[in-house]
Amino acid sequence: MSVLIILGIIFVAVFLGMPVAFAFIFGTSVYLYVEGAYPLTVIASRLGPGLDSFPLLALPLFIFAGNLLGGSGVARRIFDFANSAVGHIRGGLGHVNVFASIIFAGMSGVAMADAAGLGKIEMEEMERHGYPKDFSAAITAASATIGPIIPPSGIMVLYAVLANIALDKLFLAGIIPGLLLGGFLMISIYFMVKLGKVKVGLLPKESMRVRLKNFVRAAPALAIPVFLVVGLITGVATPTELGALTCLAAIILGFAYKDLNLRTFYRCAVETVKTTGILGMLILVAAPFTWLSGVGNVGDLLMNFMNGLTTNPWVFLALINVVLLVAGMFMETSVVLLIAVPILAPIAISYGIDPVHFALVMLVNLLMGTLTPPFGSLLFVMMNQTGLSLHQMFRAIAPFYFPFLAFLLVITYVPSVTTFLPNLFGN
């Protein structure tokens, strides 16, 4: 009951315009003051340990790497290579959009960086070739969700810290699902164009000379995701160390390509500090809330409630999917994670569900929430870039909900898709 009261206060505070971080502190403080069971000093004592985590250091590193790669010429070279590889397939630049996002996902892992950096190039090229603006924006938003699934991933770092699971296993678990989501989106684009739902012309197949040239130009950037995956599989470095090495590689490539200068470097650093500060503040202020959930036995109460509804793990996953899809429509991804992971992750384990498998189920649900109104963050990013209304974006993105839901069902009910690589290579 205490958690419901605190959440109610938080929602009211946010609705009235209070920043989310301050709403967490306000809700917890009001409850402690009124209830009187614990002193207000509990809040201060819980804030420090909230950020005391070595894996959490990977978060700013991968965010910085994504900003550097997006601000340098790497994104353009990735796009040109993707265009050479799949641009001639029916659906043309739609496939290029998705394929480029898959590659960029192996470097950044931040959906916003994909949509704002690589997405800008993709939108310009699609508009230049006569693609409908709303269709281009929808593909760009949908493909950007691949970024946080394929390692590295900012929200995976956050989940690993909150659920206390190995980050390397979580990173490995995202590789196959990320590629699978890309395949689902590309198949959808192919049939949308083939059936005439979207009328675009076919791009000519580039010569082998041009394709080889684009590959050579992009090769150093393409080596980054390969390096990350090999590093995870062999265990030669921790995810945090790999994050630092990715930043170093991004800096070297940016200056080597002569697209990264000191001004751009400074801007990327500032953006990284802002993003990290926001996420760090949310993690910090959620710590007292998480502690109250623990001492109030919220997990046990919810577990008993769920067991009363069903003892079947597949039914439990179906119920969780519905709850998370709805939550993702109204709340930012990191906020839902801060609230739900400490409570739901132990319950999933009690049902015999692999913690890595459940992590991917939860993350995919919340990423779909970034594409759904009324508060889908990626929808607003694309609206800002294109000038489209929310209604226009929703109509354009709606056909992509079907491959996304099919992908969610596969992730939910075929656990081996997520657990195969962690079980094979995980330490």
Protein backbone atom coordinates (compact mmCIF):
# COMPACT_ATOMS: atom_id res chain seq x y z
CA MET A 1 0.00 0.00 0.00
CA SER A 2 2.88 2.39 0.78
CA VAL A 3 4.23 2.10 -2.77
CA LEU A 4 0.80 2.81 -4.26
CA ILE A 5 0.51 5.94 -2.11
CA ILE A 6 3.98 7.13 -3.13
CA LEU A 7 3.29 6.41 -6.82
CA GLY A 8 0.01 8.30 -6.56
CA ILE A 9 1.80 11.34 -5.12
CA ILE A 10 4.50 11.08 -7.81
CA PHE A 11 1.96 10.91 -10.66
CA VAL A 12 0.02 13.91 -9.31
CA ALA A 13 3.25 15.91 -8.90
CA VAL A 14 4.39 15.11 -12.45
CA PHE A 15 0.94 15.93 -13.80
CA LEU A 16 1.16 19.34 -12.11
CA GLY A 17 4.47 20.01 -13.86
CA MET A 18 7.07 18.95 -11.31
CA PRO A 19 10.21 17.34 -12.85
CA VAL A 20 10.20 13.55 -12.48
CA ALA A 21 13.33 13.43 -10.31
CA PHE A 22 11.93 15.94 -7.82
CA ALA A 23 8.56 14.15 -7.89
CA PHE A 24 10.25 10.95 -6.68
CA ILE A 25 11.85 12.77 -3.74
CA PHE A 26 8.64 14.69 -3.02
CA GLY A 27 6.47 11.55 -3.03
CA THR A 28 8.83 9.62 -0.78
CA SER A 29 9.27 12.56 1.61
CA VAL A 30 5.52 13.18 1.95
CA TYR A 31 4.88 9.50 2.69
CA LEU A 32 7.66 9.28 5.30
CA TYR A 33 6.51 12.48 6.98
CA VAL A 34 2.84 11.47 7.15
CA GLU A 35 3.43 7.80 8.00
CA GLY A 36 6.12 8.52 10.60
CA ALA A 37 7.46 4.96 10.54
CA TYR A 38 10.91 6.07 9.38
CA PRO A 39 12.74 9.39 9.75
CA LEU A 40 13.25 11.66 6.74
CA THR A 41 17.00 11.10 7.08
CA VAL A 42 16.38 7.70 5.42
CA ILE A 43 16.24 9.53 2.11
CA ALA A 44 19.71 11.03 2.53
CA SER A 45 21.17 7.71 3.72
CA ARG A 46 19.84 5.88 0.64
CA LEU A 47 20.91 8.42 -1.99
CA GLY A 48 24.63 7.65 -1.84
CA PRO A 49 24.46 3.87 -2.41
CA GLY A 50 22.12 4.46 -5.36
CA LEU A 51 25.04 5.36 -7.65
CA ASP A 52 27.66 3.12 -6.03
CA SER A 53 28.01 0.69 -8.93
CA PHE A 54 31.00 -0.05 -11.18
CA PRO A 55 28.89 -1.31 -14.14
CA LEU A 56 27.03 2.02 -14.05
CA LEU A 57 30.23 3.70 -15.28
CA ALA A 58 29.54 2.12 -18.67
CA LEU A 59 26.47 4.34 -19.07
CA PRO A 60 28.18 7.72 -19.64
CA LEU A 61 30.91 6.03 -21.70
CA PHE A 62 28.53 4.51 -24.23
CA ILE A 63 26.43 7.69 -24.33
CA PHE A 64 29.59 9.69 -25.07
CA ALA A 65 30.63 7.21 -27.75
CA GLY A 66 27.21 7.47 -29.40
CA ASN A 67 27.34 11.26 -29.39
CA LEU A 68 30.85 11.27 -30.86
CA LEU A 69 29.92 8.83 -33.60
CA GLY A 70 26.76 10.76 -34.40
CA GLY A 71 28.65 14.05 -34.51
CA SER A 72 31.44 12.80 -36.78
CA GLY A 73 31.48 11.49 -40.32
CA VAL A 74 30.97 7.90 -39.16
CA ALA A 75 27.19 8.06 -39.63
CA ARG A 76 27.52 9.13 -43.28
CA ARG A 77 29.97 6.33 -44.05
CA ILE A 78 27.70 3.77 -42.40
CA PHE A 79 24.77 5.02 -44.46
CA ASP A 80 26.74 4.84 -47.72
CA PHE A 81 27.85 1.28 -46.95
CA ALA A 82 24.31 0.22 -46.06
CA ASN A 83 23.06 1.79 -49.28
CA SER A 84 25.57 -0.23 -51.28
CA ALA A 85 24.59 -3.44 -49.46
CA VAL A 86 20.76 -3.34 -49.51
CA GLY A 87 19.69 -0.18 -51.32
CA HIS A 88 18.75 -2.05 -54.51
CA ILE A 89 16.20 -4.31 -52.78
CA ARG A 90 12.52 -3.44 -53.19
CA GLY A 91 11.90 -0.81 -50.55
CA GLY A 92 15.35 0.67 -51.20
CA LEU A 93 16.21 3.34 -48.67
CA GLY A 94 13.76 1.85 -46.16
CA HIS A 95 16.03 -1.20 -45.93
CA VAL A 96 19.09 1.06 -45.86
CA ASN A 97 17.54 2.90 -42.92
CA VAL A 98 17.07 -0.30 -40.92
CA PHE A 99 20.42 -1.86 -41.89
CA ALA A 100 22.31 1.32 -41.01
CA SER A 101 20.55 1.42 -37.64
CA ILE A 102 21.63 -2.18 -36.95
CA ILE A 103 25.26 -1.24 -37.61
CA PHE A 104 25.05 2.00 -35.63
CA ALA A 105 23.38 0.11 -32.77
CA GLY A 106 26.61 -1.84 -32.31
CA MET A 107 28.40 1.43 -31.56
CA SER A 108 25.95 3.67 -29.72
CA GLY A 109 23.06 1.83 -28.11
CA VAL A 110 21.04 4.99 -27.51
CA ALA A 111 17.82 5.28 -29.50
CA MET A 112 17.84 9.07 -29.38
CA ALA A 113 21.38 9.20 -30.79
CA ASP A 114 20.30 6.98 -33.68
CA ALA A 115 17.16 8.98 -34.43
CA ALA A 116 18.81 12.39 -34.09
CA GLY A 117 22.22 11.62 -35.67
CA LEU A 118 21.96 8.86 -38.26
CA GLY A 119 18.22 9.54 -38.59
CA LYS A 120 18.87 13.03 -39.93
CA ILE A 121 20.99 11.67 -42.78
CA GLU A 122 18.46 8.94 -43.51
CA MET A 123 15.58 11.40 -43.64
CA GLU A 124 17.44 13.76 -45.98
CA GLU A 125 18.30 10.95 -48.42
CA MET A 126 14.80 9.49 -48.39
CA GLU A 127 13.28 12.90 -48.99
CA ARG A 128 15.72 13.53 -51.85
CA HIS A 129 14.60 10.28 -53.52
CA GLY A 130 10.91 11.09 -53.23
CA TYR A 131 9.93 8.98 -50.24
CA PRO A 132 6.85 10.23 -48.35
CA LYS A 133 7.94 12.23 -45.32
CA ASP A 134 5.65 10.39 -42.90
CA PHE A 135 6.81 6.97 -44.14
CA SER A 136 10.47 7.99 -43.81
CA ALA A 137 9.90 9.33 -40.29
CA ALA A 138 8.08 6.15 -39.24
CA ILE A 139 10.88 3.87 -40.47
CA THR A 140 13.52 6.05 -38.81
CA ALA A 141 11.68 5.95 -35.48
CA ALA A 142 11.02 2.20 -35.66
CA SER A 143 14.60 1.32 -36.62
CA ALA A 144 15.99 3.52 -33.84
CA THR A 145 14.56 1.06 -31.28
CA ILE A 146 17.16 -1.47 -32.45
CA GLY A 147 19.88 0.67 -30.85
CA PRO A 148 19.11 -0.18 -27.20
CA ILE A 149 18.68 -3.90 -28.01
CA ILE A 150 21.98 -4.64 -29.75
CA PRO A 151 24.95 -4.06 -27.43
CA PRO A 152 26.08 -1.66 -26.19
CA SER A 153 22.88 -0.39 -24.63
CA GLY A 154 22.30 2.36 -22.09
CA ILE A 155 19.06 0.93 -20.74
CA MET A 156 20.68 -2.52 -20.41
CA VAL A 157 23.30 -0.95 -18.15
CA LEU A 158 20.51 0.55 -16.08
CA TYR A 159 18.59 -2.75 -15.95
CA ALA A 160 21.70 -4.74 -14.97
CA VAL A 161 22.36 -2.40 -12.05
CA LEU A 162 18.75 -2.43 -10.84
CA ALA A 163 18.31 -6.21 -11.17
CA ASN A 164 21.87 -7.09 -10.12
CA ILE A 165 22.56 -9.34 -13.12
CA ALA A 166 25.71 -9.67 -15.21
CA LEU A 167 25.92 -6.90 -17.82
CA ASP A 168 27.98 -9.00 -20.24
CA LYS A 169 25.23 -11.65 -20.35
CA LEU A 170 22.62 -8.99 -20.93
CA PHE A 171 24.64 -7.51 -23.78
CA LEU A 172 25.09 -10.93 -25.40
CA ALA A 173 21.35 -11.59 -25.05
CA GLY A 174 20.52 -8.57 -27.21
CA ILE A 175 22.47 -9.53 -30.33
CA ILE A 176 20.08 -12.08 -31.87
CA PRO A 177 16.88 -10.18 -30.91
CA GLY A 178 18.28 -6.96 -32.40
CA LEU A 179 19.05 -8.67 -35.71
CA LEU A 180 15.66 -10.36 -35.61
CA LEU A 181 13.82 -7.06 -35.12
CA GLY A 182 15.74 -5.59 -38.05
CA GLY A 183 14.66 -8.56 -40.18
CA PHE A 184 11.01 -8.16 -39.16
CA LEU A 185 11.07 -4.46 -40.09
CA MET A 186 12.76 -5.09 -43.44
CA ILE A 187 10.24 -7.78 -44.36
CA SER A 188 7.42 -5.38 -43.50
CA ILE A 189 8.95 -2.63 -45.64
CA TYR A 190 9.36 -5.03 -48.57
CA PHE A 191 5.71 -6.07 -48.56
CA MET A 192 4.41 -2.56 -47.93
CA VAL A 193 6.18 -1.43 -51.10
CA LYS A 194 5.36 -4.58 -53.07
CA LEU A 195 1.64 -4.32 -52.26
CA GLY A 196 1.61 -0.65 -53.24
CA LYS A 197 0.93 0.72 -49.75
CA VAL A 198 3.92 2.98 -50.32
CA LYS A 199 4.91 3.97 -53.85
CA VAL A 200 8.67 4.37 -54.27
CA GLY A 201 10.98 3.59 -57.15
CA LEU A 202 13.76 1.00 -57.22
CA LEU A 203 17.34 2.22 -56.76
CA PRO A 204 19.94 0.93 -59.23
CA LYS A 205 22.39 -1.64 -57.97
CA GLU A 206 25.75 0.01 -57.45
CA SER A 207 28.83 -1.32 -59.20
CA MET A 208 31.20 -3.61 -57.36
CA ARG A 209 33.82 -0.86 -57.44
CA VAL A 210 31.55 1.62 -55.66
CA ARG A 211 30.40 -0.99 -53.17
CA LEU A 212 33.98 -1.95 -52.35
CA LYS A 213 34.92 1.73 -52.00
CA ASN A 214 32.07 2.35 -49.53
CA PHE A 215 33.04 -0.75 -47.58
CA VAL A 216 36.65 0.38 -47.27
CA ARG A 217 35.58 3.87 -46.17
CA ALA A 218 33.28 2.39 -43.51
CA ALA A 219 35.55 -0.51 -42.47
CA PRO A 220 37.12 1.20 -39.41
CA ALA A 221 33.66 2.10 -38.12
CA LEU A 222 32.32 -1.38 -38.90
CA ALA A 223 35.14 -2.85 -36.83
CA ILE A 224 33.79 -1.25 -33.64
CA PRO A 225 30.74 -3.52 -33.16
CA VAL A 226 32.84 -6.55 -34.12
CA PHE A 227 35.40 -5.54 -31.49
CA LEU A 228 32.64 -5.15 -28.88
CA VAL A 229 31.11 -8.55 -29.57
CA VAL A 230 34.49 -10.30 -29.59
CA GLY A 231 35.40 -8.53 -26.36
CA LEU A 232 32.19 -9.70 -24.70
CA ILE A 233 32.55 -13.28 -25.93
CA THR A 234 36.20 -13.67 -24.98
CA GLY A 235 35.90 -11.73 -21.74
CA VAL A 236 39.14 -9.83 -22.39
CA ALA A 237 37.51 -6.67 -21.05
CA THR A 238 34.51 -5.75 -18.93
CA PRO A 239 31.59 -3.87 -20.55
CA THR A 240 32.75 -0.73 -18.75
CA GLU A 241 36.26 -1.08 -20.19
CA LEU A 242 34.80 -1.75 -23.62
CA GLY A 243 32.82 1.48 -23.26
CA ALA A 244 36.02 3.42 -22.63
CA LEU A 245 37.71 1.77 -25.62
CA THR A 246 34.70 2.59 -27.81
CA CYS A 247 35.00 6.25 -26.83
CA LEU A 248 38.70 6.18 -27.73
CA ALA A 249 37.93 4.56 -31.09
CA ALA A 250 35.19 7.12 -31.80
CA ILE A 251 37.59 10.00 -31.05
CA ILE A 252 40.35 8.56 -33.25
CA LEU A 253 37.96 7.88 -36.13
CA GLY A 254 36.33 11.29 -35.85
CA PHE A 255 39.61 13.19 -36.05
CA ALA A 256 41.02 10.79 -38.66
CA TYR A 257 38.00 11.39 -40.89
CA LYS A 258 38.47 15.15 -40.22
CA ASP A 259 34.77 15.45 -39.39
CA LEU A 260 35.33 15.84 -35.66
CA ASN A 261 36.85 19.08 -34.39
CA LEU A 262 37.29 20.53 -30.91
CA ARG A 263 34.00 22.43 -31.10
CA THR A 264 32.07 19.27 -32.02
CA PHE A 265 33.96 17.32 -29.36
CA TYR A 266 32.99 19.88 -26.74
CA ARG A 267 29.32 19.81 -27.85
CA CYS A 268 29.28 15.99 -27.63
CA ALA A 269 30.81 16.15 -24.16
CA VAL A 270 28.20 18.67 -23.00
CA GLU A 271 25.34 16.55 -24.37
CA THR A 272 26.79 13.49 -22.64
CA VAL A 273 26.97 15.31 -19.30
CA LYS A 274 23.37 16.48 -19.67
CA THR A 275 22.04 13.01 -20.54
CA THR A 276 24.12 11.28 -17.87
CA GLY A 277 23.08 13.87 -15.32
CA ILE A 278 19.40 13.26 -16.03
CA LEU A 279 19.73 9.47 -15.82
CA GLY A 280 22.02 9.65 -12.81
CA MET A 281 19.58 11.92 -10.98
CA LEU A 282 16.71 9.51 -11.70
CA ILE A 283 18.71 6.55 -10.39
CA LEU A 284 19.70 8.54 -7.33
CA VAL A 285 16.21 9.66 -6.32
CA ALA A 286 14.67 6.25 -7.03
CA ALA A 287 16.92 4.58 -4.43
CA PRO A 288 14.78 5.60 -1.39
CA PHE A 289 11.64 4.47 -3.23
CA THR A 290 13.25 1.10 -4.00
CA TRP A 291 14.32 0.72 -0.36
CA LEU A 292 10.78 1.42 0.88
CA SER A 293 9.47 -1.17 -1.58
CA GLY A 294 11.83 -3.70 -0.03
CA VAL A 295 11.11 -2.99 3.63
CA GLY A 296 7.39 -2.89 2.85
CA ASN A 297 7.54 -6.38 1.31
CA VAL A 298 5.91 -5.05 -1.84
CA GLY A 299 7.56 -7.77 -3.91
CA ASP A 300 6.17 -10.53 -1.71
CA LEU A 301 2.69 -9.00 -1.70
CA LEU A 302 2.67 -8.65 -5.49
CA MET A 303 4.09 -12.15 -5.88
CA ASN A 304 1.26 -13.61 -3.79
CA PHE A 305 -1.23 -11.59 -5.81
CA MET A 306 0.19 -12.87 -9.12
CA ASN A 307 0.27 -16.46 -7.85
CA GLY A 308 -3.39 -16.06 -6.98
CA LEU A 309 -4.09 -15.08 -10.58
CA THR A 310 -1.94 -17.75 -12.23
CA THR A 311 0.89 -20.15 -11.56
CA ASN A 312 1.67 -20.51 -15.27
CA PRO A 313 4.84 -18.57 -16.27
CA TRP A 314 3.55 -18.05 -19.84
CA VAL A 315 0.35 -16.46 -18.59
CA PHE A 316 2.40 -14.35 -16.19
CA LEU A 317 4.52 -13.09 -19.10
CA ALA A 318 1.36 -12.27 -21.08
CA LEU A 319 0.02 -10.20 -18.17
CA ILE A 320 3.36 -8.44 -17.73
CA ASN A 321 3.44 -7.64 -21.46
CA VAL A 322 0.07 -5.91 -21.23
CA VAL A 323 1.03 -3.94 -18.11
CA LEU A 324 4.38 -2.83 -19.53
CA LEU A 325 2.93 -1.87 -22.91
CA VAL A 326 0.43 0.38 -21.19
CA ALA A 327 3.06 1.80 -18.81
CA GLY A 328 5.38 2.51 -21.73
CA MET A 329 2.67 4.57 -23.41
CA PHE A 330 2.48 7.02 -20.51
CA MET A 331 5.91 6.97 -18.85
CA GLU A 332 9.51 7.40 -19.97
CA THR A 333 11.45 4.12 -20.30
CA SER A 334 14.02 4.78 -17.57
CA VAL A 335 11.30 5.81 -15.10
CA VAL A 336 9.37 2.56 -15.65
CA LEU A 337 12.59 0.59 -15.19
CA LEU A 338 13.38 2.34 -11.92
CA ILE A 339 9.93 1.52 -10.56
CA ALA A 340 9.28 -1.93 -12.02
CA VAL A 341 12.60 -3.79 -12.19
CA PRO A 342 13.28 -4.13 -8.43
CA ILE A 343 9.73 -5.44 -7.96
CA LEU A 344 9.07 -7.56 -11.06
CA ALA A 345 12.48 -9.16 -11.66
CA PRO A 346 12.41 -11.29 -8.45
CA ILE A 347 8.81 -12.33 -9.18
CA ALA A 348 9.81 -13.51 -12.66
CA ILE A 349 12.56 -15.64 -11.11
CA SER A 350 10.00 -17.18 -8.74
CA TYR A 351 8.09 -18.35 -11.83
CA GLY A 352 11.24 -20.06 -13.10
CA ILE A 353 11.82 -17.47 -15.83
CA ASP A 354 15.44 -16.84 -16.80
CA PRO A 355 16.38 -13.34 -15.54
CA VAL A 356 18.14 -12.47 -18.81
CA HIS A 357 15.11 -13.59 -20.81
CA PHE A 358 12.79 -11.50 -18.65
CA ALA A 359 15.08 -8.50 -19.01
CA LEU A 360 14.75 -8.57 -22.81
CA VAL A 361 10.97 -9.03 -22.57
CA MET A 362 10.71 -5.96 -20.36
CA LEU A 363 13.06 -3.83 -22.48
CA VAL A 364 11.29 -4.68 -25.75
CA ASN A 365 7.94 -3.76 -24.21
CA LEU A 366 9.23 -0.40 -23.05
CA LEU A 367 10.95 0.33 -26.35
CA MET A 368 7.64 -0.19 -28.11
CA GLY A 369 6.27 2.41 -25.72
CA THR A 370 8.64 4.97 -27.28
CA LEU A 371 6.67 4.53 -30.53
CA THR A 372 3.17 4.81 -29.08
CA PRO A 373 1.17 7.94 -28.29
CA PRO A 374 0.46 9.94 -26.26
CA PHE A 375 4.03 10.22 -24.88
CA GLY A 376 6.22 8.16 -27.24
CA SER A 377 9.61 9.88 -27.05
CA LEU A 378 10.80 8.76 -30.50
CA LEU A 379 7.57 10.05 -32.05
CA PHE A 380 8.31 13.51 -30.64
CA VAL A 381 11.92 13.40 -31.88
CA MET A 382 10.71 12.70 -35.42
CA MET A 383 7.91 15.27 -35.14
CA ASN A 384 10.53 17.84 -34.19
CA GLN A 385 12.71 16.91 -37.18
CA THR A 386 9.92 16.73 -39.77
CA GLY A 387 7.21 19.11 -38.57
CA LEU A 388 4.61 16.33 -38.70
CA SER A 389 1.72 16.30 -36.23
CA LEU A 390 1.22 13.55 -33.65
CA HIS A 391 -1.77 12.30 -35.65
CA GLN A 392 0.31 12.06 -38.83
CA MET A 393 3.14 10.25 -37.03
CA PHE A 394 0.73 7.79 -35.43
CA ARG A 395 -0.87 6.94 -38.79
CA ALA A 396 2.56 6.43 -40.34
CA ILE A 397 4.00 4.32 -37.50
CA ALA A 398 0.86 2.18 -36.98
CA PRO A 399 1.72 -0.47 -39.66
CA PHE A 400 5.02 -1.13 -37.89
CA TYR A 401 3.25 -2.13 -34.68
CA PHE A 402 2.39 -5.49 -36.27
CA PRO A 403 6.00 -6.64 -36.88
CA PHE A 404 6.93 -5.23 -33.48
CA LEU A 405 4.17 -7.22 -31.74
CA ALA A 406 5.17 -10.36 -33.68
CA PHE A 407 8.76 -9.77 -32.54
CA LEU A 408 7.58 -9.32 -28.95
CA LEU A 409 5.72 -12.64 -29.07
CA VAL A 410 8.84 -14.42 -30.34
CA ILE A 411 11.00 -12.84 -27.62
CA THR A 412 8.44 -13.72 -24.95
CA TYR A 413 7.66 -17.31 -25.88
CA VAL A 414 10.91 -18.50 -27.48
CA PRO A 415 13.40 -17.92 -24.64
CA SER A 416 16.32 -19.46 -26.54
CA VAL A 417 16.37 -16.42 -28.83
CA THR A 418 17.65 -14.38 -25.88
CA THR A 419 19.44 -17.02 -23.80
CA PHE A 420 21.38 -18.90 -26.49
CA LEU A 421 24.43 -16.61 -26.68
CA PRO A 422 24.64 -15.87 -22.92
CA ASN A 423 24.50 -19.60 -22.16
CA LEU A 424 27.06 -20.34 -24.86
CA PHE A 425 29.61 -17.64 -24.08
CA GLY A 426 28.58 -16.10 -20.76
CA ASN A 427 31.06 -16.39 -17.91
